[in-house]
Amino acid sequence: MKQASSAVVELRDLHLKTDIGTYGPHDTRPEVHLLDLTLAISVNQVLISQDGMAHVFDYDPLIAEIDRLAADGHYETQERLITRIAIACAAYPAIRRIEICLKKSPVRSGSGSLGVRLMLDEIATDELRPNPLPHATGVACTA
């Protein structure tokens, strides 16, 4: 069986300046929140016949939006920030599938990391779009 071609944009270990969680006086507070992001895009945006930004996925505006969302006040949970990042990613029609992992560290006594991972296939990604595509089912989510 022939395997289909695929292309992804990968972002790893992006340090987010964010405020997540509620902690007591003796709780370990995370020193860092790290974002990993994998975005499936068209192979045609990687295998290009000529060099130029007009032919590829420009991720800089998305990263700027993620930075803005991360700094947009206090979050009780990592999950809420992940939801908002997923919606921001889905706003780009070029993005077909989304995988997000948000990790915090340390977890206890200066060690460990804890992360939440979200993986959205094409249908789930379409459902998050501002105007879901015709094959999408369910209700669109808004930030």
N, C-alpha and C. Protein backbone atom coordinates (compact mmCIF):
# COMPACT_ATOMS: atom_id res chain seq x y z
N MET A 1 0.84 -1.18 0.00
CA MET A 1 0.00 0.00 0.00
C MET A 1 0.88 1.24 0.00
N LYS A 2 0.58 2.17 -0.86
CA LYS A 2 1.34 3.41 -0.98
C LYS A 2 0.93 4.39 0.12
N GLN A 3 1.91 4.96 0.79
CA GLN A 3 1.62 5.94 1.85
C GLN A 3 1.42 7.31 1.23
N ALA A 4 0.43 8.03 1.73
CA ALA A 4 0.15 9.38 1.25
C ALA A 4 1.25 10.33 1.71
N SER A 5 1.50 11.34 0.92
CA SER A 5 2.48 12.37 1.28
C SER A 5 1.88 13.29 2.33
N SER A 6 2.75 13.83 3.16
CA SER A 6 2.27 14.78 4.16
C SER A 6 3.37 15.80 4.45
N ALA A 7 2.95 16.92 5.00
CA ALA A 7 3.88 17.98 5.40
C ALA A 7 3.36 18.61 6.68
N VAL A 8 4.28 18.97 7.55
CA VAL A 8 3.91 19.62 8.80
C VAL A 8 4.86 20.77 9.09
N VAL A 9 4.35 21.73 9.83
CA VAL A 9 5.16 22.78 10.43
C VAL A 9 5.28 22.39 11.90
N GLU A 10 6.50 22.34 12.42
CA GLU A 10 6.71 21.95 13.81
C GLU A 10 7.35 23.10 14.59
N LEU A 11 6.76 23.39 15.72
CA LEU A 11 7.30 24.38 16.65
C LEU A 11 7.52 23.63 17.96
N ARG A 12 8.70 23.72 18.53
CA ARG A 12 9.01 22.99 19.75
C ARG A 12 9.56 23.92 20.82
N ASP A 13 9.11 23.66 22.05
CA ASP A 13 9.66 24.31 23.25
C ASP A 13 9.61 25.83 23.22
N LEU A 14 8.51 26.38 22.70
CA LEU A 14 8.32 27.83 22.73
C LEU A 14 7.93 28.23 24.14
N HIS A 15 8.75 29.06 24.77
CA HIS A 15 8.49 29.54 26.13
C HIS A 15 7.39 30.59 26.07
N LEU A 16 6.25 30.30 26.69
CA LEU A 16 5.13 31.25 26.70
C LEU A 16 5.17 32.08 27.97
N LYS A 17 4.98 33.35 27.83
CA LYS A 17 4.85 34.24 28.99
C LYS A 17 3.38 34.28 29.34
N THR A 18 3.00 33.42 30.30
CA THR A 18 1.60 33.26 30.64
C THR A 18 1.44 33.03 32.13
N ASP A 19 0.24 33.18 32.61
CA ASP A 19 -0.11 33.00 34.02
C ASP A 19 -1.22 31.96 34.08
N ILE A 20 -0.85 30.73 34.48
CA ILE A 20 -1.82 29.63 34.50
C ILE A 20 -1.83 28.99 35.87
N GLY A 21 -3.03 28.76 36.41
CA GLY A 21 -3.19 27.99 37.64
C GLY A 21 -3.38 28.85 38.87
N THR A 22 -3.83 28.18 39.91
CA THR A 22 -3.99 28.79 41.23
C THR A 22 -3.25 27.90 42.21
N TYR A 23 -2.36 28.49 42.98
CA TYR A 23 -1.48 27.71 43.83
C TYR A 23 -1.53 28.22 45.27
N GLY A 24 -1.40 27.28 46.19
CA GLY A 24 -1.34 27.61 47.60
C GLY A 24 0.07 28.00 48.00
N PRO A 25 0.26 28.44 49.25
CA PRO A 25 1.57 28.93 49.69
C PRO A 25 2.67 27.87 49.66
N HIS A 26 2.32 26.59 49.76
CA HIS A 26 3.33 25.53 49.80
C HIS A 26 3.38 24.72 48.50
N ASP A 27 2.60 25.12 47.50
CA ASP A 27 2.57 24.41 46.22
C ASP A 27 3.79 24.80 45.37
N THR A 28 4.21 23.87 44.54
CA THR A 28 5.25 24.16 43.56
C THR A 28 4.64 24.94 42.41
N ARG A 29 5.20 26.09 42.15
CA ARG A 29 4.72 26.93 41.04
C ARG A 29 5.60 26.68 39.81
N PRO A 30 4.98 26.48 38.67
CA PRO A 30 5.79 26.28 37.45
C PRO A 30 6.64 27.51 37.15
N GLU A 31 7.85 27.25 36.71
CA GLU A 31 8.76 28.32 36.30
C GLU A 31 8.64 28.60 34.81
N VAL A 32 8.14 27.61 34.06
CA VAL A 32 8.09 27.74 32.61
C VAL A 32 6.88 26.99 32.06
N HIS A 33 6.29 27.55 31.01
CA HIS A 33 5.26 26.88 30.22
C HIS A 33 5.79 26.80 28.80
N LEU A 34 5.89 25.58 28.27
CA LEU A 34 6.46 25.34 26.95
C LEU A 34 5.40 24.80 26.00
N LEU A 35 5.37 25.35 24.81
CA LEU A 35 4.40 24.95 23.79
C LEU A 35 5.09 24.17 22.68
N ASP A 36 4.50 23.02 22.34
CA ASP A 36 4.87 22.27 21.14
C ASP A 36 3.65 22.31 20.23
N LEU A 37 3.89 22.56 18.96
CA LEU A 37 2.80 22.70 18.00
C LEU A 37 3.20 21.99 16.72
N THR A 38 2.31 21.13 16.21
CA THR A 38 2.52 20.47 14.92
C THR A 38 1.29 20.76 14.08
N LEU A 39 1.50 21.36 12.92
CA LEU A 39 0.41 21.77 12.04
C LEU A 39 0.58 21.09 10.69
N ALA A 40 -0.41 20.29 10.30
CA ALA A 40 -0.38 19.66 8.99
C ALA A 40 -0.83 20.67 7.94
N ILE A 41 -0.03 20.78 6.89
CA ILE A 41 -0.32 21.69 5.79
C ILE A 41 -0.19 20.92 4.48
N SER A 42 -0.50 21.55 3.39
CA SER A 42 -0.37 20.94 2.08
C SER A 42 1.10 20.71 1.73
N VAL A 43 1.38 19.57 1.13
CA VAL A 43 2.73 19.29 0.65
C VAL A 43 3.18 20.37 -0.33
N ASN A 44 2.23 20.94 -1.06
CA ASN A 44 2.55 21.99 -2.04
C ASN A 44 3.08 23.26 -1.39
N GLN A 45 2.95 23.38 -0.06
CA GLN A 45 3.50 24.55 0.62
C GLN A 45 4.90 24.28 1.16
N VAL A 46 5.42 23.07 0.88
CA VAL A 46 6.79 22.73 1.26
C VAL A 46 7.62 22.41 0.02
N LEU A 47 7.06 21.61 -0.88
CA LEU A 47 7.73 21.32 -2.15
C LEU A 47 7.34 22.43 -3.13
N ILE A 48 8.18 23.45 -3.19
CA ILE A 48 7.83 24.64 -3.98
C ILE A 48 8.77 24.77 -5.19
N SER A 49 8.23 25.28 -6.28
CA SER A 49 9.01 25.41 -7.52
C SER A 49 9.87 26.67 -7.54
N GLN A 50 9.51 27.64 -6.72
CA GLN A 50 10.34 28.85 -6.62
C GLN A 50 10.31 29.35 -5.19
N ASP A 51 11.38 30.02 -4.81
CA ASP A 51 11.53 30.51 -3.46
C ASP A 51 10.68 31.76 -3.26
N GLY A 52 10.03 31.85 -2.11
CA GLY A 52 9.27 33.05 -1.80
C GLY A 52 8.18 32.76 -0.78
N MET A 53 7.93 33.73 0.08
CA MET A 53 6.93 33.58 1.13
C MET A 53 5.52 33.38 0.58
N ALA A 54 5.26 33.83 -0.62
CA ALA A 54 3.93 33.67 -1.22
C ALA A 54 3.61 32.20 -1.49
N HIS A 55 4.62 31.32 -1.44
CA HIS A 55 4.42 29.91 -1.79
C HIS A 55 4.40 28.99 -0.57
N VAL A 56 4.60 29.53 0.61
CA VAL A 56 4.70 28.71 1.82
C VAL A 56 3.72 29.21 2.88
N PHE A 57 3.56 28.42 3.94
CA PHE A 57 2.73 28.85 5.06
C PHE A 57 3.55 29.81 5.93
N ASP A 58 3.06 31.02 6.10
CA ASP A 58 3.73 32.03 6.93
C ASP A 58 3.23 31.88 8.37
N TYR A 59 4.05 31.28 9.22
CA TYR A 59 3.66 31.00 10.60
C TYR A 59 3.89 32.17 11.55
N ASP A 60 4.60 33.20 11.12
CA ASP A 60 4.90 34.32 12.02
C ASP A 60 3.65 35.00 12.59
N PRO A 61 2.61 35.29 11.79
CA PRO A 61 1.40 35.89 12.38
C PRO A 61 0.72 34.98 13.40
N LEU A 62 0.76 33.67 13.17
CA LEU A 62 0.16 32.74 14.13
C LEU A 62 0.93 32.74 15.44
N ILE A 63 2.24 32.74 15.37
CA ILE A 63 3.05 32.78 16.60
C ILE A 63 2.80 34.07 17.37
N ALA A 64 2.67 35.17 16.67
CA ALA A 64 2.35 36.45 17.33
C ALA A 64 0.99 36.37 18.03
N GLU A 65 0.01 35.73 17.40
CA GLU A 65 -1.31 35.57 18.02
C GLU A 65 -1.24 34.65 19.23
N ILE A 66 -0.45 33.59 19.16
CA ILE A 66 -0.28 32.70 20.31
C ILE A 66 0.35 33.46 21.47
N ASP A 67 1.36 34.27 21.20
CA ASP A 67 1.97 35.10 22.25
C ASP A 67 0.93 36.03 22.88
N ARG A 68 0.08 36.62 22.04
CA ARG A 68 -0.96 37.51 22.54
C ARG A 68 -1.95 36.75 23.43
N LEU A 69 -2.38 35.58 22.99
CA LEU A 69 -3.32 34.78 23.77
C LEU A 69 -2.70 34.35 25.10
N ALA A 70 -1.44 33.96 25.08
CA ALA A 70 -0.76 33.52 26.31
C ALA A 70 -0.71 34.64 27.34
N ALA A 71 -0.52 35.86 26.88
CA ALA A 71 -0.39 37.01 27.79
C ALA A 71 -1.73 37.67 28.11
N ASP A 72 -2.81 37.11 27.62
CA ASP A 72 -4.14 37.72 27.73
C ASP A 72 -4.81 37.43 29.07
N GLY A 73 -4.13 37.75 30.16
CA GLY A 73 -4.72 37.59 31.49
C GLY A 73 -4.45 36.23 32.10
N HIS A 74 -5.09 35.98 33.23
CA HIS A 74 -4.90 34.76 34.01
C HIS A 74 -5.77 33.63 33.47
N TYR A 75 -5.20 32.44 33.40
CA TYR A 75 -5.94 31.22 33.04
C TYR A 75 -5.96 30.30 34.26
N GLU A 76 -7.11 29.75 34.56
CA GLU A 76 -7.19 28.74 35.61
C GLU A 76 -6.56 27.43 35.15
N THR A 77 -6.72 27.11 33.85
CA THR A 77 -6.28 25.82 33.33
C THR A 77 -5.46 25.96 32.06
N GLN A 78 -4.58 24.99 31.85
CA GLN A 78 -3.85 24.88 30.58
C GLN A 78 -4.82 24.62 29.44
N GLU A 79 -5.87 23.87 29.74
CA GLU A 79 -6.83 23.47 28.71
C GLU A 79 -7.49 24.68 28.05
N ARG A 80 -7.77 25.73 28.81
CA ARG A 80 -8.41 26.90 28.20
C ARG A 80 -7.47 27.59 27.22
N LEU A 81 -6.21 27.73 27.60
CA LEU A 81 -5.26 28.33 26.67
C LEU A 81 -5.09 27.44 25.44
N ILE A 82 -5.02 26.14 25.61
CA ILE A 82 -4.92 25.22 24.47
C ILE A 82 -6.12 25.39 23.55
N THR A 83 -7.31 25.51 24.11
CA THR A 83 -8.52 25.71 23.30
C THR A 83 -8.40 26.97 22.46
N ARG A 84 -7.96 28.04 23.07
CA ARG A 84 -7.84 29.31 22.34
C ARG A 84 -6.76 29.23 21.26
N ILE A 85 -5.67 28.52 21.53
CA ILE A 85 -4.63 28.33 20.52
C ILE A 85 -5.16 27.49 19.36
N ALA A 86 -5.92 26.44 19.66
CA ALA A 86 -6.49 25.59 18.61
C ALA A 86 -7.42 26.40 17.71
N ILE A 87 -8.24 27.26 18.29
CA ILE A 87 -9.15 28.10 17.50
C ILE A 87 -8.34 29.07 16.63
N ALA A 88 -7.26 29.62 17.19
CA ALA A 88 -6.41 30.52 16.40
C ALA A 88 -5.78 29.79 15.22
N CYS A 89 -5.34 28.56 15.44
CA CYS A 89 -4.76 27.76 14.34
C CYS A 89 -5.81 27.46 13.28
N ALA A 90 -7.01 27.08 13.71
CA ALA A 90 -8.07 26.71 12.77
C ALA A 90 -8.52 27.88 11.91
N ALA A 91 -8.24 29.09 12.34
CA ALA A 91 -8.61 30.27 11.54
C ALA A 91 -7.81 30.34 10.23
N TYR A 92 -6.74 29.57 10.13
CA TYR A 92 -5.92 29.53 8.92
C TYR A 92 -6.38 28.36 8.05
N PRO A 93 -6.99 28.62 6.89
CA PRO A 93 -7.47 27.53 6.02
C PRO A 93 -6.36 26.58 5.59
N ALA A 94 -5.12 27.03 5.55
CA ALA A 94 -4.01 26.17 5.12
C ALA A 94 -3.71 25.06 6.13
N ILE A 95 -4.14 25.23 7.38
CA ILE A 95 -3.87 24.23 8.42
C ILE A 95 -4.95 23.17 8.36
N ARG A 96 -4.53 21.92 8.18
CA ARG A 96 -5.46 20.80 8.02
C ARG A 96 -5.67 20.01 9.31
N ARG A 97 -4.59 19.78 10.03
CA ARG A 97 -4.66 19.06 11.30
C ARG A 97 -3.80 19.80 12.31
N ILE A 98 -4.16 19.65 13.59
CA ILE A 98 -3.48 20.39 14.65
C ILE A 98 -3.10 19.44 15.78
N GLU A 99 -1.88 19.57 16.26
CA GLU A 99 -1.48 18.89 17.49
C GLU A 99 -0.79 19.93 18.38
N ILE A 100 -1.30 20.05 19.60
CA ILE A 100 -0.79 21.04 20.56
C ILE A 100 -0.42 20.32 21.84
N CYS A 101 0.73 20.63 22.39
CA CYS A 101 1.10 20.15 23.72
C CYS A 101 1.61 21.34 24.52
N LEU A 102 1.01 21.57 25.67
CA LEU A 102 1.44 22.64 26.56
C LEU A 102 1.94 21.99 27.85
N LYS A 103 3.22 22.23 28.17
CA LYS A 103 3.85 21.62 29.33
C LYS A 103 4.24 22.68 30.34
N LYS A 104 4.18 22.30 31.61
CA LYS A 104 4.67 23.19 32.66
C LYS A 104 5.72 22.43 33.47
N SER A 105 6.67 23.20 34.02
CA SER A 105 7.73 22.60 34.81
C SER A 105 8.28 23.65 35.78
N PRO A 106 8.70 23.25 36.96
CA PRO A 106 8.64 21.91 37.52
C PRO A 106 7.24 21.58 38.05
N VAL A 107 7.04 20.30 38.32
CA VAL A 107 5.77 19.84 38.88
C VAL A 107 5.87 19.71 40.39
N ARG A 108 7.00 19.16 40.86
CA ARG A 108 7.18 18.97 42.30
C ARG A 108 8.67 19.01 42.64
N SER A 109 9.00 19.71 43.67
CA SER A 109 10.36 19.76 44.21
C SER A 109 11.42 20.01 43.15
N GLY A 110 11.14 20.93 42.24
CA GLY A 110 12.13 21.30 41.24
C GLY A 110 12.31 20.31 40.11
N SER A 111 11.42 19.32 39.99
CA SER A 111 11.59 18.34 38.92
C SER A 111 10.26 18.01 38.25
N GLY A 112 10.37 17.39 37.11
CA GLY A 112 9.20 16.90 36.38
C GLY A 112 8.57 17.95 35.49
N SER A 113 7.87 17.46 34.50
CA SER A 113 7.05 18.33 33.66
C SER A 113 5.71 17.65 33.47
N LEU A 114 4.69 18.44 33.28
CA LEU A 114 3.34 17.92 33.09
C LEU A 114 2.76 18.64 31.89
N GLY A 115 2.20 17.87 30.98
CA GLY A 115 1.65 18.48 29.78
C GLY A 115 0.27 17.97 29.44
N VAL A 116 -0.44 18.78 28.69
CA VAL A 116 -1.74 18.42 28.13
C VAL A 116 -1.57 18.47 26.62
N ARG A 117 -2.00 17.39 25.94
CA ARG A 117 -1.86 17.29 24.49
C ARG A 117 -3.25 17.19 23.85
N LEU A 118 -3.43 17.95 22.77
CA LEU A 118 -4.67 17.92 21.99
C LEU A 118 -4.31 17.60 20.55
N MET A 119 -5.01 16.61 19.97
CA MET A 119 -4.78 16.23 18.57
C MET A 119 -6.11 16.33 17.83
N LEU A 120 -6.16 17.16 16.81
CA LEU A 120 -7.38 17.37 16.03
C LEU A 120 -7.15 16.92 14.59
N ASP A 121 -8.01 16.02 14.11
CA ASP A 121 -7.94 15.61 12.71
C ASP A 121 -8.58 16.68 11.83
N GLU A 122 -8.68 16.41 10.53
CA GLU A 122 -9.20 17.43 9.61
C GLU A 122 -10.64 17.83 9.95
N ILE A 123 -11.48 16.87 10.30
CA ILE A 123 -12.88 17.20 10.60
C ILE A 123 -12.97 18.05 11.86
N ALA A 124 -12.25 17.66 12.91
CA ALA A 124 -12.28 18.43 14.15
C ALA A 124 -11.70 19.83 13.94
N THR A 125 -10.66 19.94 13.13
CA THR A 125 -10.09 21.26 12.82
C THR A 125 -11.10 22.11 12.08
N ASP A 126 -11.77 21.52 11.09
CA ASP A 126 -12.79 22.27 10.34
C ASP A 126 -13.92 22.76 11.25
N GLU A 127 -14.28 21.97 12.25
CA GLU A 127 -15.37 22.36 13.16
C GLU A 127 -15.01 23.57 14.01
N LEU A 128 -13.73 23.83 14.20
CA LEU A 128 -13.29 25.00 14.97
C LEU A 128 -13.21 26.27 14.14
N ARG A 129 -13.27 26.13 12.83
CA ARG A 129 -13.11 27.28 11.95
C ARG A 129 -14.29 28.25 12.12
N PRO A 130 -14.04 29.55 11.89
CA PRO A 130 -15.12 30.53 12.01
C PRO A 130 -16.31 30.19 11.13
N ASN A 131 -16.07 29.67 9.94
CA ASN A 131 -17.13 29.20 9.03
C ASN A 131 -16.82 27.76 8.68
N PRO A 132 -17.35 26.79 9.47
CA PRO A 132 -17.01 25.38 9.24
C PRO A 132 -17.28 24.96 7.80
N LEU A 133 -16.42 24.08 7.29
CA LEU A 133 -16.57 23.57 5.94
C LEU A 133 -17.77 22.63 5.88
N PRO A 134 -18.36 22.42 4.69
CA PRO A 134 -19.60 21.65 4.56
C PRO A 134 -19.56 20.24 5.15
N HIS A 135 -18.42 19.54 5.09
CA HIS A 135 -18.39 18.18 5.61
C HIS A 135 -18.28 18.13 7.13
N ALA A 136 -18.04 19.29 7.77
CA ALA A 136 -17.91 19.33 9.22
C ALA A 136 -19.27 19.14 9.88
N THR A 137 -19.23 18.46 11.02
CA THR A 137 -20.46 18.23 11.79
C THR A 137 -20.29 18.83 13.17
N GLY A 138 -21.37 19.01 13.86
CA GLY A 138 -21.30 19.54 15.21
C GLY A 138 -21.35 21.06 15.22
N VAL A 139 -21.07 21.61 16.37
CA VAL A 139 -21.17 23.05 16.57
C VAL A 139 -19.77 23.65 16.60
N ALA A 140 -19.61 24.76 15.93
CA ALA A 140 -18.32 25.45 15.94
C ALA A 140 -18.08 26.06 17.32
N CYS A 141 -16.83 26.06 17.74
CA CYS A 141 -16.44 26.61 19.03
C CYS A 141 -15.89 28.02 18.82
N THR A 142 -16.17 28.91 19.74
CA THR A 142 -15.63 30.26 19.64
C THR A 142 -14.77 30.56 20.85
N ALA A 143 -13.81 31.44 20.66
CA ALA A 143 -12.92 31.82 21.76
C ALA A 143 -13.70 32.70 22.68
